[in-house]
Amino acid sequence: METPIVIGTNSWGSSLYAKILRGCAVSRQTICDTAKLAIKNGFVIFDTARDYGFGKSQKLIGEFALPEMKISAKFTPFSKKIQTGVGE
């Protein structure tokens, strides 16, 4: 069985976030082109989370999403209502 490769989107969409993580930012068009090329070559799983790129990575994926894409996302509770409501 082959192990799938997952494309991480942690620094997508936010120039500031990308500069902090990688030391440089990548254009929106480069991200889109890279995602399409990845899919064309069989890399279809994209990992994202609400706080990746300050929320912009999910928006970018939504803008250029293709039917072949599979999304791996995480739930991060930020709301005090959610945090205080657990176990009640």
N, C-alpha and C. Protein backbone atom coordinates (compact mmCIF):
# COMPACT_ATOMS: atom_id res chain seq x y z
N MET A 1 0.84 -1.17 0.00
CA MET A 1 0.00 0.00 0.00
C MET A 1 0.90 1.24 0.00
N GLU A 2 0.56 2.20 -0.84
CA GLU A 2 1.31 3.45 -0.90
C GLU A 2 0.87 4.40 0.22
N THR A 3 1.82 5.12 0.76
CA THR A 3 1.51 6.13 1.76
C THR A 3 1.29 7.45 1.03
N PRO A 4 0.14 8.07 1.22
CA PRO A 4 -0.13 9.33 0.50
C PRO A 4 0.73 10.47 1.03
N ILE A 5 1.06 11.38 0.14
CA ILE A 5 1.76 12.60 0.54
C ILE A 5 0.70 13.67 0.74
N VAL A 6 0.82 14.40 1.83
CA VAL A 6 -0.14 15.45 2.16
C VAL A 6 0.54 16.80 1.97
N ILE A 7 -0.14 17.71 1.29
CA ILE A 7 0.37 19.06 1.06
C ILE A 7 -0.05 19.93 2.25
N GLY A 8 0.91 20.47 2.97
CA GLY A 8 0.63 21.34 4.10
C GLY A 8 0.38 22.77 3.63
N THR A 9 -0.59 23.42 4.24
CA THR A 9 -0.95 24.78 3.81
C THR A 9 -0.77 25.79 4.94
N ASN A 10 0.08 25.47 5.89
CA ASN A 10 0.23 26.29 7.09
C ASN A 10 0.51 27.77 6.79
N SER A 11 1.34 28.06 5.82
CA SER A 11 1.71 29.46 5.57
C SER A 11 1.04 30.05 4.34
N TRP A 12 0.02 29.40 3.82
CA TRP A 12 -0.66 29.91 2.63
C TRP A 12 -1.52 31.12 2.98
N GLY A 13 -1.48 32.13 2.15
CA GLY A 13 -2.43 33.23 2.24
C GLY A 13 -2.02 34.43 3.05
N SER A 14 -1.10 34.30 3.93
CA SER A 14 -0.70 35.43 4.76
C SER A 14 0.79 35.70 4.56
N SER A 15 1.11 36.84 3.98
CA SER A 15 2.51 37.19 3.75
C SER A 15 3.29 37.26 5.05
N LEU A 16 2.70 37.86 6.07
CA LEU A 16 3.38 37.97 7.36
C LEU A 16 3.65 36.60 7.96
N TYR A 17 2.64 35.75 7.97
CA TYR A 17 2.77 34.40 8.52
C TYR A 17 3.82 33.61 7.76
N ALA A 18 3.82 33.72 6.43
CA ALA A 18 4.79 33.01 5.61
C ALA A 18 6.20 33.50 5.89
N LYS A 19 6.37 34.79 6.04
CA LYS A 19 7.70 35.35 6.32
C LYS A 19 8.20 34.87 7.67
N ILE A 20 7.31 34.76 8.65
CA ILE A 20 7.70 34.28 9.97
C ILE A 20 8.12 32.81 9.89
N LEU A 21 7.35 31.98 9.17
CA LEU A 21 7.62 30.54 9.10
C LEU A 21 8.76 30.18 8.16
N ARG A 22 8.76 30.81 6.97
CA ARG A 22 9.73 30.43 5.94
C ARG A 22 10.78 31.48 5.63
N GLY A 23 10.53 32.71 6.06
CA GLY A 23 11.45 33.78 5.74
C GLY A 23 11.10 34.51 4.46
N CYS A 24 10.07 34.04 3.75
CA CYS A 24 9.63 34.72 2.53
C CYS A 24 8.16 34.39 2.27
N ALA A 25 7.52 35.22 1.48
CA ALA A 25 6.12 35.00 1.12
C ALA A 25 6.04 34.52 -0.33
N VAL A 26 4.97 33.83 -0.66
CA VAL A 26 4.73 33.33 -2.00
C VAL A 26 3.43 33.95 -2.50
N SER A 27 3.39 34.30 -3.76
CA SER A 27 2.19 34.95 -4.31
C SER A 27 1.01 33.99 -4.34
N ARG A 28 -0.17 34.57 -4.34
CA ARG A 28 -1.41 33.81 -4.41
C ARG A 28 -1.44 32.96 -5.67
N GLN A 29 -0.99 33.54 -6.79
CA GLN A 29 -0.98 32.83 -8.07
C GLN A 29 -0.02 31.63 -8.02
N THR A 30 1.13 31.80 -7.38
CA THR A 30 2.09 30.69 -7.24
C THR A 30 1.48 29.56 -6.42
N ILE A 31 0.77 29.91 -5.36
CA ILE A 31 0.11 28.89 -4.54
C ILE A 31 -0.93 28.13 -5.37
N CYS A 32 -1.74 28.86 -6.11
CA CYS A 32 -2.77 28.24 -6.95
C CYS A 32 -2.14 27.33 -8.01
N ASP A 33 -1.13 27.83 -8.71
CA ASP A 33 -0.46 27.04 -9.74
C ASP A 33 0.18 25.79 -9.15
N THR A 34 0.80 25.93 -7.99
CA THR A 34 1.45 24.80 -7.32
C THR A 34 0.42 23.74 -6.92
N ALA A 35 -0.72 24.18 -6.39
CA ALA A 35 -1.77 23.23 -5.99
C ALA A 35 -2.28 22.47 -7.21
N LYS A 36 -2.50 23.16 -8.31
CA LYS A 36 -2.98 22.50 -9.53
C LYS A 36 -1.95 21.50 -10.06
N LEU A 37 -0.67 21.88 -10.01
CA LEU A 37 0.39 20.98 -10.46
C LEU A 37 0.48 19.75 -9.54
N ALA A 38 0.33 19.97 -8.24
CA ALA A 38 0.35 18.86 -7.29
C ALA A 38 -0.77 17.87 -7.61
N ILE A 39 -1.97 18.38 -7.83
CA ILE A 39 -3.11 17.52 -8.15
C ILE A 39 -2.87 16.76 -9.45
N LYS A 40 -2.36 17.46 -10.44
CA LYS A 40 -2.06 16.83 -11.74
C LYS A 40 -1.10 15.66 -11.57
N ASN A 41 -0.21 15.74 -10.57
CA ASN A 41 0.77 14.70 -10.33
C ASN A 41 0.37 13.71 -9.24
N GLY A 42 -0.91 13.75 -8.86
CA GLY A 42 -1.43 12.75 -7.93
C GLY A 42 -1.39 13.10 -6.46
N PHE A 43 -0.95 14.31 -6.12
CA PHE A 43 -0.94 14.74 -4.72
C PHE A 43 -2.24 15.49 -4.46
N VAL A 44 -3.21 14.81 -3.87
CA VAL A 44 -4.55 15.39 -3.79
C VAL A 44 -5.01 15.75 -2.37
N ILE A 45 -4.23 15.40 -1.36
CA ILE A 45 -4.64 15.68 0.02
C ILE A 45 -3.97 16.97 0.49
N PHE A 46 -4.80 17.90 0.94
CA PHE A 46 -4.32 19.20 1.42
C PHE A 46 -4.73 19.36 2.88
N ASP A 47 -3.75 19.64 3.72
CA ASP A 47 -3.99 19.78 5.15
C ASP A 47 -4.12 21.26 5.50
N THR A 48 -5.19 21.61 6.21
CA THR A 48 -5.41 22.99 6.60
C THR A 48 -6.01 23.06 7.99
N ALA A 49 -6.07 24.25 8.52
CA ALA A 49 -6.69 24.49 9.82
C ALA A 49 -7.14 25.95 9.87
N ARG A 50 -8.02 26.22 10.77
CA ARG A 50 -8.58 27.57 10.90
C ARG A 50 -7.52 28.65 11.09
N ASP A 51 -6.44 28.31 11.78
CA ASP A 51 -5.43 29.33 12.06
C ASP A 51 -4.28 29.35 11.05
N TYR A 52 -4.27 28.48 10.05
CA TYR A 52 -3.21 28.50 9.04
C TYR A 52 -3.35 29.76 8.19
N GLY A 53 -2.27 30.53 8.12
CA GLY A 53 -2.30 31.77 7.34
C GLY A 53 -3.33 32.74 7.88
N PHE A 54 -3.59 32.66 9.18
CA PHE A 54 -4.62 33.48 9.83
C PHE A 54 -5.99 33.27 9.16
N GLY A 55 -6.28 32.02 8.79
CA GLY A 55 -7.57 31.66 8.18
C GLY A 55 -7.61 31.78 6.67
N LYS A 56 -6.58 32.34 6.08
CA LYS A 56 -6.60 32.57 4.64
C LYS A 56 -6.33 31.31 3.83
N SER A 57 -5.66 30.32 4.40
CA SER A 57 -5.37 29.11 3.62
C SER A 57 -6.67 28.39 3.24
N GLN A 58 -7.62 28.34 4.16
CA GLN A 58 -8.91 27.69 3.85
C GLN A 58 -9.66 28.46 2.77
N LYS A 59 -9.59 29.78 2.83
CA LYS A 59 -10.26 30.59 1.81
C LYS A 59 -9.63 30.37 0.44
N LEU A 60 -8.31 30.30 0.38
CA LEU A 60 -7.63 30.05 -0.89
C LEU A 60 -8.02 28.69 -1.45
N ILE A 61 -8.02 27.67 -0.63
CA ILE A 61 -8.40 26.34 -1.09
C ILE A 61 -9.83 26.37 -1.63
N GLY A 62 -10.71 27.08 -0.96
CA GLY A 62 -12.09 27.20 -1.43
C GLY A 62 -12.19 27.89 -2.77
N GLU A 63 -11.31 28.84 -3.03
CA GLU A 63 -11.34 29.57 -4.30
C GLU A 63 -10.90 28.72 -5.48
N PHE A 64 -9.88 27.88 -5.30
CA PHE A 64 -9.40 27.09 -6.44
C PHE A 64 -9.61 25.60 -6.26
N ALA A 65 -10.52 25.22 -5.38
CA ALA A 65 -10.78 23.80 -5.13
C ALA A 65 -11.15 23.07 -6.41
N LEU A 66 -10.62 21.89 -6.53
CA LEU A 66 -10.91 21.03 -7.67
C LEU A 66 -11.56 19.75 -7.15
N PRO A 67 -12.38 19.09 -7.98
CA PRO A 67 -13.08 17.89 -7.51
C PRO A 67 -12.16 16.80 -6.96
N GLU A 68 -10.92 16.74 -7.46
CA GLU A 68 -10.00 15.69 -7.02
C GLU A 68 -9.44 15.94 -5.62
N MET A 69 -9.55 17.16 -5.12
CA MET A 69 -8.94 17.50 -3.83
C MET A 69 -9.62 16.81 -2.66
N LYS A 70 -8.80 16.40 -1.72
CA LYS A 70 -9.29 15.88 -0.44
C LYS A 70 -8.72 16.82 0.61
N ILE A 71 -9.56 17.24 1.54
CA ILE A 71 -9.15 18.23 2.54
C ILE A 71 -9.05 17.56 3.91
N SER A 72 -7.93 17.78 4.55
CA SER A 72 -7.73 17.36 5.93
C SER A 72 -7.76 18.63 6.77
N ALA A 73 -8.72 18.75 7.65
CA ALA A 73 -8.85 19.96 8.46
C ALA A 73 -8.95 19.58 9.93
N LYS A 74 -8.70 20.55 10.77
CA LYS A 74 -8.74 20.34 12.21
C LYS A 74 -9.72 21.32 12.85
N PHE A 75 -10.25 20.92 13.97
CA PHE A 75 -11.11 21.80 14.75
C PHE A 75 -10.28 22.41 15.86
N THR A 76 -10.26 23.74 15.93
CA THR A 76 -9.53 24.43 16.99
C THR A 76 -10.52 25.32 17.73
N PRO A 77 -10.90 24.96 18.94
CA PRO A 77 -11.88 25.78 19.67
C PRO A 77 -11.26 27.09 20.15
N PHE A 78 -11.79 28.21 19.64
CA PHE A 78 -11.32 29.52 20.05
C PHE A 78 -12.34 30.23 20.92
N SER A 79 -13.58 29.86 20.78
CA SER A 79 -14.67 30.54 21.47
C SER A 79 -14.69 30.19 22.96
N LYS A 80 -14.83 31.21 23.81
CA LYS A 80 -14.95 30.96 25.25
C LYS A 80 -16.21 30.16 25.54
N LYS A 81 -17.25 30.41 24.77
CA LYS A 81 -18.50 29.68 24.95
C LYS A 81 -18.28 28.18 24.75
N ILE A 82 -17.53 27.83 23.72
CA ILE A 82 -17.25 26.42 23.46
C ILE A 82 -16.37 25.86 24.57
N GLN A 83 -15.32 26.60 24.95
CA GLN A 83 -14.39 26.11 25.96
C GLN A 83 -15.05 25.94 27.32
N THR A 84 -15.91 26.87 27.72
CA THR A 84 -16.55 26.77 29.04
C THR A 84 -17.73 25.82 29.03
N GLY A 85 -18.27 25.51 27.85
CA GLY A 85 -19.43 24.64 27.77
C GLY A 85 -19.08 23.17 27.80
N VAL A 86 -17.80 22.82 27.66
CA VAL A 86 -17.40 21.42 27.61
C VAL A 86 -17.61 20.79 28.98
N GLY A 87 -18.29 19.66 28.99
CA GLY A 87 -18.50 18.91 30.22
C GLY A 87 -19.67 19.38 31.06
N GLU A 88 -20.39 20.37 30.57
CA GLU A 88 -21.54 20.86 31.36
C GLU A 88 -22.78 20.08 31.02
